[in-house]
Amino acid sequence: MIGKRSLVYLLILAISVAIASGFILYIIDPNVHSLFDGIWSAWVTMTHVGFGDVVPTSFFGRLLSAILILFGLALFSLSTALFSVTLMGKNMDAWGHEVRQIEQETSRIETDENQILK
């Protein structure tokens, strides 16, 4: 449950960063002609798709794009880690249940053995 909630938070963060960065790109870069183009460019850069249809040409636009690339890399890494933790958590719960069953059966056998030896 914690993993799913964290993934939702990461998605909300990614969308928020794309919108904010898109707005900034629209303001500072002359090659970004609309707010939608700015958001699109930020999202495509952050997700490492890189269509190349909207490309920042100013120094600060390129700098922001470089920061978005690093942010996207960190975001993808965190998403992968959280997804893995969620899957492993489910497996660990299943394995934990099986281990408890084995421990209970072992305890029952030891009790029976002690009764036989008395």
PDB file of N, CA and C in Angstrom:
ATOM      1  N   MET A   1       0.823  -1.199   0.000  1.00  0.00           N
ATOM      2  CA  MET A   1       0.000   0.000   0.000  1.00  0.00           C
ATOM      3  C   MET A   1       0.861   1.254   0.000  1.00  0.00           C
ATOM      4  N   ILE A   2       1.931   1.223   0.770  1.00  0.00           N
ATOM      5  CA  ILE A   2       2.813   2.385   0.819  1.00  0.00           C
ATOM      6  C   ILE A   2       3.450   2.617  -0.545  1.00  0.00           C
ATOM      7  N   GLY A   3       3.821   1.559  -1.242  1.00  0.00           N
ATOM      8  CA  GLY A   3       4.434   1.683  -2.554  1.00  0.00           C
ATOM      9  C   GLY A   3       3.505   2.330  -3.565  1.00  0.00           C
ATOM     10  N   LYS A   4       2.232   1.930  -3.562  1.00  0.00           N
ATOM     11  CA  LYS A   4       1.266   2.512  -4.496  1.00  0.00           C
ATOM     12  C   LYS A   4       1.073   3.995  -4.214  1.00  0.00           C
ATOM     13  N   ARG A   5       0.960   4.343  -2.959  1.00  0.00           N
ATOM     14  CA  ARG A   5       0.776   5.746  -2.581  1.00  0.00           C
ATOM     15  C   ARG A   5       1.995   6.565  -3.001  1.00  0.00           C
ATOM     16  N   SER A   6       3.176   6.020  -2.799  1.00  0.00           N
ATOM     17  CA  SER A   6       4.397   6.724  -3.184  1.00  0.00           C
ATOM     18  C   SER A   6       4.487   6.910  -4.692  1.00  0.00           C
ATOM     19  N   LEU A   7       4.057   5.904  -5.457  1.00  0.00           N
ATOM     20  CA  LEU A   7       4.057   6.035  -6.913  1.00  0.00           C
ATOM     21  C   LEU A   7       3.095   7.123  -7.367  1.00  0.00           C
ATOM     22  N   VAL A   8       1.947   7.220  -6.708  1.00  0.00           N
ATOM     23  CA  VAL A   8       0.991   8.284  -7.035  1.00  0.00           C
ATOM     24  C   VAL A   8       1.607   9.645  -6.729  1.00  0.00           C
ATOM     25  N   TYR A   9       2.284   9.752  -5.588  1.00  0.00           N
ATOM     26  CA  TYR A   9       2.945  11.016  -5.236  1.00  0.00           C
ATOM     27  C   TYR A   9       4.025  11.381  -6.256  1.00  0.00           C
ATOM     28  N   LEU A  10       4.782  10.384  -6.717  1.00  0.00           N
ATOM     29  CA  LEU A  10       5.805  10.651  -7.727  1.00  0.00           C
ATOM     30  C   LEU A  10       5.182  11.117  -9.038  1.00  0.00           C
ATOM     31  N   LEU A  11       4.056  10.528  -9.416  1.00  0.00           N
ATOM     32  CA  LEU A  11       3.367  10.954 -10.635  1.00  0.00           C
ATOM     33  C   LEU A  11       2.866  12.385 -10.501  1.00  0.00           C
ATOM     34  N   ILE A  12       2.294  12.705  -9.355  1.00  0.00           N
ATOM     35  CA  ILE A  12       1.832  14.081  -9.113  1.00  0.00           C
ATOM     36  C   ILE A  12       3.014  15.046  -9.153  1.00  0.00           C
ATOM     37  N   LEU A  13       4.131  14.654  -8.559  1.00  0.00           N
ATOM     38  CA  LEU A  13       5.332  15.487  -8.591  1.00  0.00           C
ATOM     39  C   LEU A  13       5.821  15.688 -10.024  1.00  0.00           C
ATOM     40  N   ALA A  14       5.837  14.611 -10.808  1.00  0.00           N
ATOM     41  CA  ALA A  14       6.301  14.707 -12.196  1.00  0.00           C
ATOM     42  C   ALA A  14       5.416  15.642 -13.013  1.00  0.00           C
ATOM     43  N   ILE A  15       4.112  15.524 -12.852  1.00  0.00           N
ATOM     44  CA  ILE A  15       3.185  16.393 -13.584  1.00  0.00           C
ATOM     45  C   ILE A  15       3.359  17.838 -13.144  1.00  0.00           C
ATOM     46  N   SER A  16       3.505  18.048 -11.853  1.00  0.00           N
ATOM     47  CA  SER A  16       3.699  19.412 -11.337  1.00  0.00           C
ATOM     48  C   SER A  16       4.985  20.036 -11.872  1.00  0.00           C
ATOM     49  N   VAL A  17       6.055  19.259 -11.869  1.00  0.00           N
ATOM     50  CA  VAL A  17       7.334  19.761 -12.382  1.00  0.00           C
ATOM     51  C   VAL A  17       7.228  20.047 -13.877  1.00  0.00           C
ATOM     52  N   ALA A  18       6.542  19.182 -14.614  1.00  0.00           N
ATOM     53  CA  ALA A  18       6.377  19.406 -16.053  1.00  0.00           C
ATOM     54  C   ALA A  18       5.594  20.686 -16.319  1.00  0.00           C
ATOM     55  N   ILE A  19       4.540  20.927 -15.566  1.00  0.00           N
ATOM     56  CA  ILE A  19       3.738  22.141 -15.753  1.00  0.00           C
ATOM     57  C   ILE A  19       4.550  23.382 -15.391  1.00  0.00           C
ATOM     58  N   ALA A  20       5.211  23.352 -14.236  1.00  0.00           N
ATOM     59  CA  ALA A  20       6.004  24.510 -13.810  1.00  0.00           C
ATOM     60  C   ALA A  20       7.161  24.769 -14.775  1.00  0.00           C
ATOM     61  N   SER A  21       7.859  23.714 -15.164  1.00  0.00           N
ATOM     62  CA  SER A  21       8.981  23.871 -16.091  1.00  0.00           C
ATOM     63  C   SER A  21       8.504  24.314 -17.465  1.00  0.00           C
ATOM     64  N   GLY A  22       7.362  23.787 -17.877  1.00  0.00           N
ATOM     65  CA  GLY A  22       6.792  24.203 -19.160  1.00  0.00           C
ATOM     66  C   GLY A  22       6.457  25.679 -19.175  1.00  0.00           C
ATOM     67  N   PHE A  23       5.923  26.160 -18.072  1.00  0.00           N
ATOM     68  CA  PHE A  23       5.620  27.589 -17.963  1.00  0.00           C
ATOM     69  C   PHE A  23       6.904  28.413 -18.030  1.00  0.00           C
ATOM     70  N   ILE A  24       7.921  27.972 -17.307  1.00  0.00           N
ATOM     71  CA  ILE A  24       9.201  28.691 -17.318  1.00  0.00           C
ATOM     72  C   ILE A  24       9.816  28.671 -18.719  1.00  0.00           C
ATOM     73  N   LEU A  25       9.770  27.504 -19.383  1.00  0.00           N
ATOM     74  CA  LEU A  25      10.292  27.429 -20.751  1.00  0.00           C
ATOM     75  C   LEU A  25       9.554  28.388 -21.681  1.00  0.00           C
ATOM     76  N   TYR A  26       8.250  28.449 -21.526  1.00  0.00           N
ATOM     77  CA  TYR A  26       7.443  29.346 -22.355  1.00  0.00           C
ATOM     78  C   TYR A  26       7.853  30.802 -22.144  1.00  0.00           C
ATOM     79  N   ILE A  27       8.173  31.152 -20.907  1.00  0.00           N
ATOM     80  CA  ILE A  27       8.552  32.529 -20.585  1.00  0.00           C
ATOM     81  C   ILE A  27       9.965  32.857 -21.082  1.00  0.00           C
ATOM     82  N   ILE A  28      10.927  31.941 -20.898  1.00  0.00           N
ATOM     83  CA  ILE A  28      12.331  32.298 -21.134  1.00  0.00           C
ATOM     84  C   ILE A  28      12.863  31.914 -22.508  1.00  0.00           C
ATOM     85  N   ASP A  29      12.189  31.030 -23.237  1.00  0.00           N
ATOM     86  CA  ASP A  29      12.767  30.565 -24.497  1.00  0.00           C
ATOM     87  C   ASP A  29      11.939  31.017 -25.695  1.00  0.00           C
ATOM     88  N   PRO A  30      12.558  31.695 -26.645  1.00  0.00           N
ATOM     89  CA  PRO A  30      11.805  32.198 -27.799  1.00  0.00           C
ATOM     90  C   PRO A  30      11.344  31.099 -28.757  1.00  0.00           C
ATOM     91  N   ASN A  31      11.928  29.920 -28.683  1.00  0.00           N
ATOM     92  CA  ASN A  31      11.530  28.830 -29.571  1.00  0.00           C
ATOM     93  C   ASN A  31      10.297  28.081 -29.064  1.00  0.00           C
ATOM     94  N   VAL A  32       9.899  28.322 -27.838  1.00  0.00           N
ATOM     95  CA  VAL A  32       8.702  27.694 -27.266  1.00  0.00           C
ATOM     96  C   VAL A  32       7.559  28.686 -27.453  1.00  0.00           C
ATOM     97  N   HIS A  33       6.635  28.362 -28.372  1.00  0.00           N
ATOM     98  CA  HIS A  33       5.642  29.333 -28.833  1.00  0.00           C
ATOM     99  C   HIS A  33       4.343  29.347 -28.038  1.00  0.00           C
ATOM    100  N   SER A  34       4.087  28.329 -27.233  1.00  0.00           N
ATOM    101  CA  SER A  34       2.854  28.319 -26.436  1.00  0.00           C
ATOM    102  C   SER A  34       3.122  27.624 -25.106  1.00  0.00           C
ATOM    103  N   LEU A  35       2.213  27.823 -24.173  1.00  0.00           N
ATOM    104  CA  LEU A  35       2.344  27.161 -22.872  1.00  0.00           C
ATOM    105  C   LEU A  35       2.283  25.646 -23.047  1.00  0.00           C
ATOM    106  N   PHE A  36       1.393  25.191 -23.920  1.00  0.00           N
ATOM    107  CA  PHE A  36       1.299  23.752 -24.178  1.00  0.00           C
ATOM    108  C   PHE A  36       2.621  23.216 -24.728  1.00  0.00           C
ATOM    109  N   ASP A  37       3.242  23.949 -25.649  1.00  0.00           N
ATOM    110  CA  ASP A  37       4.541  23.519 -26.180  1.00  0.00           C
ATOM    111  C   ASP A  37       5.594  23.429 -25.075  1.00  0.00           C
ATOM    112  N   GLY A  38       5.553  24.365 -24.145  1.00  0.00           N
ATOM    113  CA  GLY A  38       6.494  24.333 -23.027  1.00  0.00           C
ATOM    114  C   GLY A  38       6.286  23.119 -22.141  1.00  0.00           C
ATOM    115  N   ILE A  39       5.024  22.851 -21.805  1.00  0.00           N
ATOM    116  CA  ILE A  39       4.716  21.683 -20.967  1.00  0.00           C
ATOM    117  C   ILE A  39       5.077  20.400 -21.711  1.00  0.00           C
ATOM    118  N   TRP A  40       4.741  20.359 -22.998  1.00  0.00           N
ATOM    119  CA  TRP A  40       5.056  19.189 -23.826  1.00  0.00           C
ATOM    120  C   TRP A  40       6.572  18.953 -23.861  1.00  0.00           C
ATOM    121  N   SER A  41       7.323  20.007 -24.100  1.00  0.00           N
ATOM    122  CA  SER A  41       8.777  19.892 -24.157  1.00  0.00           C
ATOM    123  C   SER A  41       9.342  19.424 -22.815  1.00  0.00           C
ATOM    124  N   ALA A  42       8.824  19.975 -21.723  1.00  0.00           N
ATOM    125  CA  ALA A  42       9.294  19.571 -20.393  1.00  0.00           C
ATOM    126  C   ALA A  42       8.992  18.099 -20.133  1.00  0.00           C
ATOM    127  N   TRP A  43       7.781  17.663 -20.459  1.00  0.00           N
ATOM    128  CA  TRP A  43       7.392  16.268 -20.220  1.00  0.00           C
ATOM    129  C   TRP A  43       8.226  15.309 -21.068  1.00  0.00           C
ATOM    130  N   VAL A  44       8.376  15.639 -22.349  1.00  0.00           N
ATOM    131  CA  VAL A  44       9.139  14.782 -23.257  1.00  0.00           C
ATOM    132  C   VAL A  44      10.607  14.717 -22.831  1.00  0.00           C
ATOM    133  N   THR A  45      11.146  15.823 -22.385  1.00  0.00           N
ATOM    134  CA  THR A  45      12.534  15.848 -21.917  1.00  0.00           C
ATOM    135  C   THR A  45      12.681  15.044 -20.629  1.00  0.00           C
ATOM    136  N   MET A  46      11.752  15.226 -19.717  1.00  0.00           N
ATOM    137  CA  MET A  46      11.823  14.572 -18.415  1.00  0.00           C
ATOM    138  C   MET A  46      11.659  13.058 -18.538  1.00  0.00           C
ATOM    139  N   THR A  47      10.853  12.608 -19.493  1.00  0.00           N
ATOM    140  CA  THR A  47      10.634  11.171 -19.656  1.00  0.00           C
ATOM    141  C   THR A  47      11.632  10.540 -20.621  1.00  0.00           C
ATOM    142  N   HIS A  48      12.579  11.313 -21.099  1.00  0.00           N
ATOM    143  CA  HIS A  48      13.651  10.850 -21.988  1.00  0.00           C
ATOM    144  C   HIS A  48      13.148  10.326 -23.323  1.00  0.00           C
ATOM    145  N   VAL A  49      11.983  10.800 -23.767  1.00  0.00           N
ATOM    146  CA  VAL A  49      11.482  10.421 -25.081  1.00  0.00           C
ATOM    147  C   VAL A  49      12.221  11.226 -26.144  1.00  0.00           C
ATOM    148  N   GLY A  50      12.255  12.540 -25.966  1.00  0.00           N
ATOM    149  CA  GLY A  50      13.033  13.402 -26.843  1.00  0.00           C
ATOM    150  C   GLY A  50      12.584  13.429 -28.286  1.00  0.00           C
ATOM    151  N   PHE A  51      11.326  13.776 -28.541  1.00  0.00           N
ATOM    152  CA  PHE A  51      10.835  13.848 -29.920  1.00  0.00           C
ATOM    153  C   PHE A  51      11.586  14.886 -30.744  1.00  0.00           C
ATOM    154  N   GLY A  52      11.960  15.988 -30.143  1.00  0.00           N
ATOM    155  CA  GLY A  52      12.699  17.016 -30.853  1.00  0.00           C
ATOM    156  C   GLY A  52      11.837  18.001 -31.610  1.00  0.00           C
ATOM    157  N   ASP A  53      10.514  17.934 -31.424  1.00  0.00           N
ATOM    158  CA  ASP A  53       9.640  18.875 -32.130  1.00  0.00           C
ATOM    159  C   ASP A  53       9.658  20.260 -31.500  1.00  0.00           C
ATOM    160  N   VAL A  54       9.886  20.340 -30.197  1.00  0.00           N
ATOM    161  CA  VAL A  54      10.048  21.621 -29.510  1.00  0.00           C
ATOM    162  C   VAL A  54      11.394  21.555 -28.787  1.00  0.00           C
ATOM    163  N   VAL A  55      12.319  22.394 -29.226  1.00  0.00           N
ATOM    164  CA  VAL A  55      13.675  22.355 -28.677  1.00  0.00           C
ATOM    165  C   VAL A  55      14.040  23.739 -28.151  1.00  0.00           C
ATOM    166  N   PRO A  56      14.422  23.841 -26.879  1.00  0.00           N
ATOM    167  CA  PRO A  56      14.851  25.147 -26.363  1.00  0.00           C
ATOM    168  C   PRO A  56      16.149  25.591 -27.041  1.00  0.00           C
ATOM    169  N   THR A  57      16.217  26.875 -27.351  1.00  0.00           N
ATOM    170  CA  THR A  57      17.406  27.405 -28.029  1.00  0.00           C
ATOM    171  C   THR A  57      18.200  28.363 -27.159  1.00  0.00           C
ATOM    172  N   SER A  58      17.586  28.900 -26.126  1.00  0.00           N
ATOM    173  CA  SER A  58      18.301  29.848 -25.268  1.00  0.00           C
ATOM    174  C   SER A  58      19.155  29.091 -24.251  1.00  0.00           C
ATOM    175  N   PHE A  59      20.130  29.787 -23.683  1.00  0.00           N
ATOM    176  CA  PHE A  59      21.006  29.179 -22.683  1.00  0.00           C
ATOM    177  C   PHE A  59      20.204  28.670 -21.492  1.00  0.00           C
ATOM    178  N   PHE A  60      19.299  29.513 -20.965  1.00  0.00           N
ATOM    179  CA  PHE A  60      18.536  29.116 -19.779  1.00  0.00           C
ATOM    180  C   PHE A  60      17.517  28.023 -20.103  1.00  0.00           C
ATOM    181  N   GLY A  61      16.990  28.029 -21.320  1.00  0.00           N
ATOM    182  CA  GLY A  61      16.099  26.953 -21.738  1.00  0.00           C
ATOM    183  C   GLY A  61      16.823  25.623 -21.791  1.00  0.00           C
ATOM    184  N   ARG A  62      18.037  25.642 -22.321  1.00  0.00           N
ATOM    185  CA  ARG A  62      18.840  24.413 -22.377  1.00  0.00           C
ATOM    186  C   ARG A  62      19.278  23.975 -20.980  1.00  0.00           C
ATOM    187  N   LEU A  63      19.603  24.936 -20.144  1.00  0.00           N
ATOM    188  CA  LEU A  63      19.973  24.616 -18.766  1.00  0.00           C
ATOM    189  C   LEU A  63      18.801  23.956 -18.037  1.00  0.00           C
ATOM    190  N   LEU A  64      17.611  24.522 -18.204  1.00  0.00           N
ATOM    191  CA  LEU A  64      16.423  23.929 -17.585  1.00  0.00           C
ATOM    192  C   LEU A  64      16.175  22.530 -18.139  1.00  0.00           C
ATOM    193  N   SER A  65      16.391  22.342 -19.429  1.00  0.00           N
ATOM    194  CA  SER A  65      16.220  21.014 -20.024  1.00  0.00           C
ATOM    195  C   SER A  65      17.216  20.014 -19.444  1.00  0.00           C
ATOM    196  N   ALA A  66      18.441  20.446 -19.220  1.00  0.00           N
ATOM    197  CA  ALA A  66      19.439  19.559 -18.612  1.00  0.00           C
ATOM    198  C   ALA A  66      19.023  19.165 -17.196  1.00  0.00           C
ATOM    199  N   ILE A  67      18.487  20.120 -16.456  1.00  0.00           N
ATOM    200  CA  ILE A  67      17.995  19.831 -15.102  1.00  0.00           C
ATOM    201  C   ILE A  67      16.820  18.858 -15.171  1.00  0.00           C
ATOM    202  N   LEU A  68      15.948  19.047 -16.159  1.00  0.00           N
ATOM    203  CA  LEU A  68      14.805  18.140 -16.324  1.00  0.00           C
ATOM    204  C   LEU A  68      15.260  16.725 -16.669  1.00  0.00           C
ATOM    205  N   ILE A  69      16.311  16.617 -17.450  1.00  0.00           N
ATOM    206  CA  ILE A  69      16.845  15.293 -17.772  1.00  0.00           C
ATOM    207  C   ILE A  69      17.307  14.592 -16.493  1.00  0.00           C
ATOM    208  N   LEU A  70      18.037  15.300 -15.653  1.00  0.00           N
ATOM    209  CA  LEU A  70      18.503  14.712 -14.387  1.00  0.00           C
ATOM    210  C   LEU A  70      17.335  14.382 -13.464  1.00  0.00           C
ATOM    211  N   PHE A  71      16.341  15.282 -13.412  1.00  0.00           N
ATOM    212  CA  PHE A  71      15.161  15.024 -12.593  1.00  0.00           C
ATOM    213  C   PHE A  71      14.425  13.784 -13.101  1.00  0.00           C
ATOM    214  N   GLY A  72      14.295  13.679 -14.420  1.00  0.00           N
ATOM    215  CA  GLY A  72      13.627  12.514 -15.001  1.00  0.00           C
ATOM    216  C   GLY A  72      14.356  11.224 -14.695  1.00  0.00           C
ATOM    217  N   LEU A  73      15.675  11.271 -14.728  1.00  0.00           N
ATOM    218  CA  LEU A  73      16.468  10.093 -14.393  1.00  0.00           C
ATOM    219  C   LEU A  73      16.233   9.671 -12.946  1.00  0.00           C
ATOM    220  N   ALA A  74      16.252  10.647 -12.043  1.00  0.00           N
ATOM    221  CA  ALA A  74      15.988  10.352 -10.628  1.00  0.00           C
ATOM    222  C   ALA A  74      14.566   9.840 -10.437  1.00  0.00           C
ATOM    223  N   LEU A  75      13.619  10.441 -11.126  1.00  0.00           N
ATOM    224  CA  LEU A  75      12.217  10.029 -11.025  1.00  0.00           C
ATOM    225  C   LEU A  75      12.030   8.596 -11.513  1.00  0.00           C
ATOM    226  N   PHE A  76      12.639   8.269 -12.645  1.00  0.00           N
ATOM    227  CA  PHE A  76      12.535   6.916 -13.178  1.00  0.00           C
ATOM    228  C   PHE A  76      13.177   5.911 -12.226  1.00  0.00           C
ATOM    229  N   SER A  77      14.321   6.263 -11.660  1.00  0.00           N
ATOM    230  CA  SER A  77      15.002   5.373 -10.714  1.00  0.00           C
ATOM    231  C   SER A  77      14.154   5.134  -9.469  1.00  0.00           C
ATOM    232  N   LEU A  78      13.584   6.199  -8.928  1.00  0.00           N
ATOM    233  CA  LEU A  78      12.727   6.057  -7.744  1.00  0.00           C
ATOM    234  C   LEU A  78      11.485   5.229  -8.051  1.00  0.00           C
ATOM    235  N   SER A  79      10.890   5.460  -9.211  1.00  0.00           N
ATOM    236  CA  SER A  79       9.697   4.698  -9.593  1.00  0.00           C
ATOM    237  C   SER A  79      10.016   3.214  -9.699  1.00  0.00           C
ATOM    238  N   THR A  80      11.133   2.898 -10.326  1.00  0.00           N
ATOM    239  CA  THR A  80      11.543   1.500 -10.462  1.00  0.00           C
ATOM    240  C   THR A  80      11.804   0.873  -9.093  1.00  0.00           C
ATOM    241  N   ALA A  81      12.478   1.604  -8.230  1.00  0.00           N
ATOM    242  CA  ALA A  81      12.767   1.089  -6.884  1.00  0.00           C
ATOM    243  C   ALA A  81      11.482   0.861  -6.095  1.00  0.00           C
ATOM    244  N   LEU A  82      10.554   1.820  -6.144  1.00  0.00           N
ATOM    245  CA  LEU A  82       9.293   1.663  -5.412  1.00  0.00           C
ATOM    246  C   LEU A  82       8.468   0.508  -5.959  1.00  0.00           C
ATOM    247  N   PHE A  83       8.463   0.355  -7.268  1.00  0.00           N
ATOM    248  CA  PHE A  83       7.731  -0.752  -7.877  1.00  0.00           C
ATOM    249  C   PHE A  83       8.328  -2.087  -7.433  1.00  0.00           C
ATOM    250  N   SER A  84       9.653  -2.162  -7.404  1.00  0.00           N
ATOM    251  CA  SER A  84      10.328  -3.389  -6.966  1.00  0.00           C
ATOM    252  C   SER A  84      10.041  -3.694  -5.503  1.00  0.00           C
ATOM    253  N   VAL A  85      10.079  -2.667  -4.667  1.00  0.00           N
ATOM    254  CA  VAL A  85       9.798  -2.852  -3.240  1.00  0.00           C
ATOM    255  C   VAL A  85       8.369  -3.346  -3.044  1.00  0.00           C
ATOM    256  N   THR A  86       7.438  -2.795  -3.811  1.00  0.00           N
ATOM    257  CA  THR A  86       6.041  -3.221  -3.705  1.00  0.00           C
ATOM    258  C   THR A  86       5.901  -4.691  -4.078  1.00  0.00           C
ATOM    259  N   LEU A  87       6.535  -5.099  -5.180  1.00  0.00           N
ATOM    260  CA  LEU A  87       6.457  -6.502  -5.592  1.00  0.00           C
ATOM    261  C   LEU A  87       7.145  -7.417  -4.590  1.00  0.00           C
ATOM    262  N   MET A  88       8.312  -7.023  -4.103  1.00  0.00           N
ATOM    263  CA  MET A  88       9.029  -7.848  -3.136  1.00  0.00           C
ATOM    264  C   MET A  88       8.265  -7.939  -1.815  1.00  0.00           C
ATOM    265  N   GLY A  89       7.599  -6.862  -1.440  1.00  0.00           N
ATOM    266  CA  GLY A  89       6.804  -6.879  -0.216  1.00  0.00           C
ATOM    267  C   GLY A  89       5.697  -7.910  -0.284  1.00  0.00           C
ATOM    268  N   LYS A  90       5.043  -8.012  -1.440  1.00  0.00           N
ATOM    269  CA  LYS A  90       3.991  -9.017  -1.611  1.00  0.00           C
ATOM    270  C   LYS A  90       4.571 -10.417  -1.518  1.00  0.00           C
ATOM    271  N   ASN A  91       5.727 -10.635  -2.151  1.00  0.00           N
ATOM    272  CA  ASN A  91       6.372 -11.942  -2.087  1.00  0.00           C
ATOM    273  C   ASN A  91       6.819 -12.265  -0.668  1.00  0.00           C
ATOM    274  N   MET A  92       7.354 -11.274   0.033  1.00  0.00           N
ATOM    275  CA  MET A  92       7.813 -11.505   1.401  1.00  0.00           C
ATOM    276  C   MET A  92       6.639 -11.850   2.312  1.00  0.00           C
ATOM    277  N   ASP A  93       5.478 -11.220   2.100  1.00  0.00           N
ATOM    278  CA  ASP A  93       4.298 -11.560   2.891  1.00  0.00           C
ATOM    279  C   ASP A  93       3.898 -13.012   2.651  1.00  0.00           C
ATOM    280  N   ALA A  94       3.921 -13.438   1.395  1.00  0.00           N
ATOM    281  CA  ALA A  94       3.562 -14.819   1.071  1.00  0.00           C
ATOM    282  C   ALA A  94       4.577 -15.783   1.680  1.00  0.00           C
ATOM    283  N   TRP A  95       5.858 -15.460   1.569  1.00  0.00           N
ATOM    284  CA  TRP A  95       6.886 -16.325   2.137  1.00  0.00           C
ATOM    285  C   TRP A  95       6.794 -16.350   3.654  1.00  0.00           C
ATOM    286  N   GLY A  96       6.493 -15.214   4.255  1.00  0.00           N
ATOM    287  CA  GLY A  96       6.348 -15.149   5.706  1.00  0.00           C
ATOM    288  C   GLY A  96       5.229 -16.052   6.194  1.00  0.00           C
ATOM    289  N   HIS A  97       4.123 -16.086   5.451  1.00  0.00           N
ATOM    290  CA  HIS A  97       3.004 -16.959   5.810  1.00  0.00           C
ATOM    291  C   HIS A  97       3.436 -18.424   5.738  1.00  0.00           C
ATOM    292  N   GLU A  98       4.169 -18.795   4.700  1.00  0.00           N
ATOM    293  CA  GLU A  98       4.638 -20.173   4.567  1.00  0.00           C
ATOM    294  C   GLU A  98       5.618 -20.533   5.679  1.00  0.00           C
ATOM    295  N   VAL A  99       6.482 -19.611   6.039  1.00  0.00           N
ATOM    296  CA  VAL A  99       7.441 -19.861   7.123  1.00  0.00           C
ATOM    297  C   VAL A  99       6.699 -20.072   8.436  1.00  0.00           C
ATOM    298  N   ARG A 100       5.669 -19.263   8.697  1.00  0.00           N
ATOM    299  CA  ARG A 100       4.880 -19.439   9.927  1.00  0.00           C
ATOM    300  C   ARG A 100       4.200 -20.807   9.943  1.00  0.00           C
ATOM    301  N   GLN A 101       3.709 -21.253   8.801  1.00  0.00           N
ATOM    302  CA  GLN A 101       3.086 -22.576   8.740  1.00  0.00           C
ATOM    303  C   GLN A 101       4.111 -23.667   9.049  1.00  0.00           C
ATOM    304  N   ILE A 102       5.302 -23.535   8.502  1.00  0.00           N
ATOM    305  CA  ILE A 102       6.360 -24.521   8.755  1.00  0.00           C
ATOM    306  C   ILE A 102       6.748 -24.510  10.232  1.00  0.00           C
ATOM    307  N   GLU A 103       6.868 -23.319  10.824  1.00  0.00           N
ATOM    308  CA  GLU A 103       7.208 -23.221  12.247  1.00  0.00           C
ATOM    309  C   GLU A 103       6.126 -23.863  13.107  1.00  0.00           C
ATOM    310  N   GLN A 104       4.857 -23.636  12.765  1.00  0.00           N
ATOM    311  CA  GLN A 104       3.762 -24.229  13.537  1.00  0.00           C
ATOM    312  C   GLN A 104       3.780 -25.750  13.414  1.00  0.00           C
ATOM    313  N   GLU A 105       4.021 -26.251  12.217  1.00  0.00           N
ATOM    314  CA  GLU A 105       4.063 -27.698  12.005  1.00  0.00           C
ATOM    315  C   GLU A 105       5.254 -28.309  12.747  1.00  0.00           C
ATOM    316  N   THR A 106       6.394 -27.636  12.720  1.00  0.00           N
ATOM    317  CA  THR A 106       7.578 -28.111  13.444  1.00  0.00           C
ATOM    318  C   THR A 106       7.306 -28.141  14.946  1.00  0.00           C
ATOM    319  N   SER A 107       6.664 -27.117  15.454  1.00  0.00           N
ATOM    320  CA  SER A 107       6.327 -27.061  16.873  1.00  0.00           C
ATOM    321  C   SER A 107       5.380 -28.201  17.245  1.00  0.00           C
ATOM    322  N   ARG A 108       4.403 -28.471  16.389  1.00  0.00           N
ATOM    323  CA  ARG A 108       3.458 -29.561  16.647  1.00  0.00           C
ATOM    324  C   ARG A 108       4.185 -30.906  16.663  1.00  0.00           C
ATOM    325  N   ILE A 109       5.107 -31.103  15.726  1.00  0.00           N
ATOM    326  CA  ILE A 109       5.866 -32.354  15.670  1.00  0.00           C
ATOM    327  C   ILE A 109       6.737 -32.496  16.914  1.00  0.00           C
ATOM    328  N   GLU A 110       7.381 -31.414  17.357  1.00  0.00           N
ATOM    329  CA  GLU A 110       8.215 -31.465  18.558  1.00  0.00           C
ATOM    330  C   GLU A 110       7.372 -31.791  19.782  1.00  0.00           C
ATOM    331  N   THR A 111       6.168 -31.230  19.859  1.00  0.00           N
ATOM    332  CA  THR A 111       5.275 -31.517  20.982  1.00  0.00           C
ATOM    333  C   THR A 111       4.884 -32.989  20.977  1.00  0.00           C
ATOM    334  N   ASP A 112       4.531 -33.508  19.803  1.00  0.00           N
ATOM    335  CA  ASP A 112       4.179 -34.928  19.693  1.00  0.00           C
ATOM    336  C   ASP A 112       5.369 -35.813  20.070  1.00  0.00           C
ATOM    337  N   GLU A 113       6.555 -35.422  19.640  1.00  0.00           N
ATOM    338  CA  GLU A 113       7.764 -36.186  19.949  1.00  0.00           C
ATOM    339  C   GLU A 113       8.022 -36.201  21.455  1.00  0.00           C
ATOM    340  N   ASN A 114       7.859 -35.051  22.112  1.00  0.00           N
ATOM    341  CA  ASN A 114       8.068 -34.974  23.561  1.00  0.00           C
ATOM    342  C   ASN A 114       7.057 -35.837  24.306  1.00  0.00           C
ATOM    343  N   GLN A 115       5.827 -35.888  23.815  1.00  0.00           N
ATOM    344  CA  GLN A 115       4.811 -36.712  24.469  1.00  0.00           C
ATOM    345  C   GLN A 115       5.126 -38.195  24.307  1.00  0.00           C
ATOM    346  N   ILE A 116       5.663 -38.561  23.163  1.00  0.00           N
ATOM    347  CA  ILE A 116       6.019 -39.961  22.921  1.00  0.00           C
ATOM    348  C   ILE A 116       7.193 -40.374  23.816  1.00  0.00           C
ATOM    349  N   LEU A 117       8.162 -39.484  23.990  1.00  0.00           N
ATOM    350  CA  LEU A 117       9.355 -39.802  24.774  1.00  0.00           C
ATOM    351  C   LEU A 117       9.072 -39.870  26.268  1.00  0.00           C
ATOM    352  N   LYS A 118       7.970 -39.306  26.748  1.00  0.00           N
ATOM    353  CA  LYS A 118       7.671 -39.324  28.182  1.00  0.00           C
ATOM    354  C   LYS A 118       7.220 -40.648  28.638  1.00  0.00           C
TER     355      LYS A 118
END
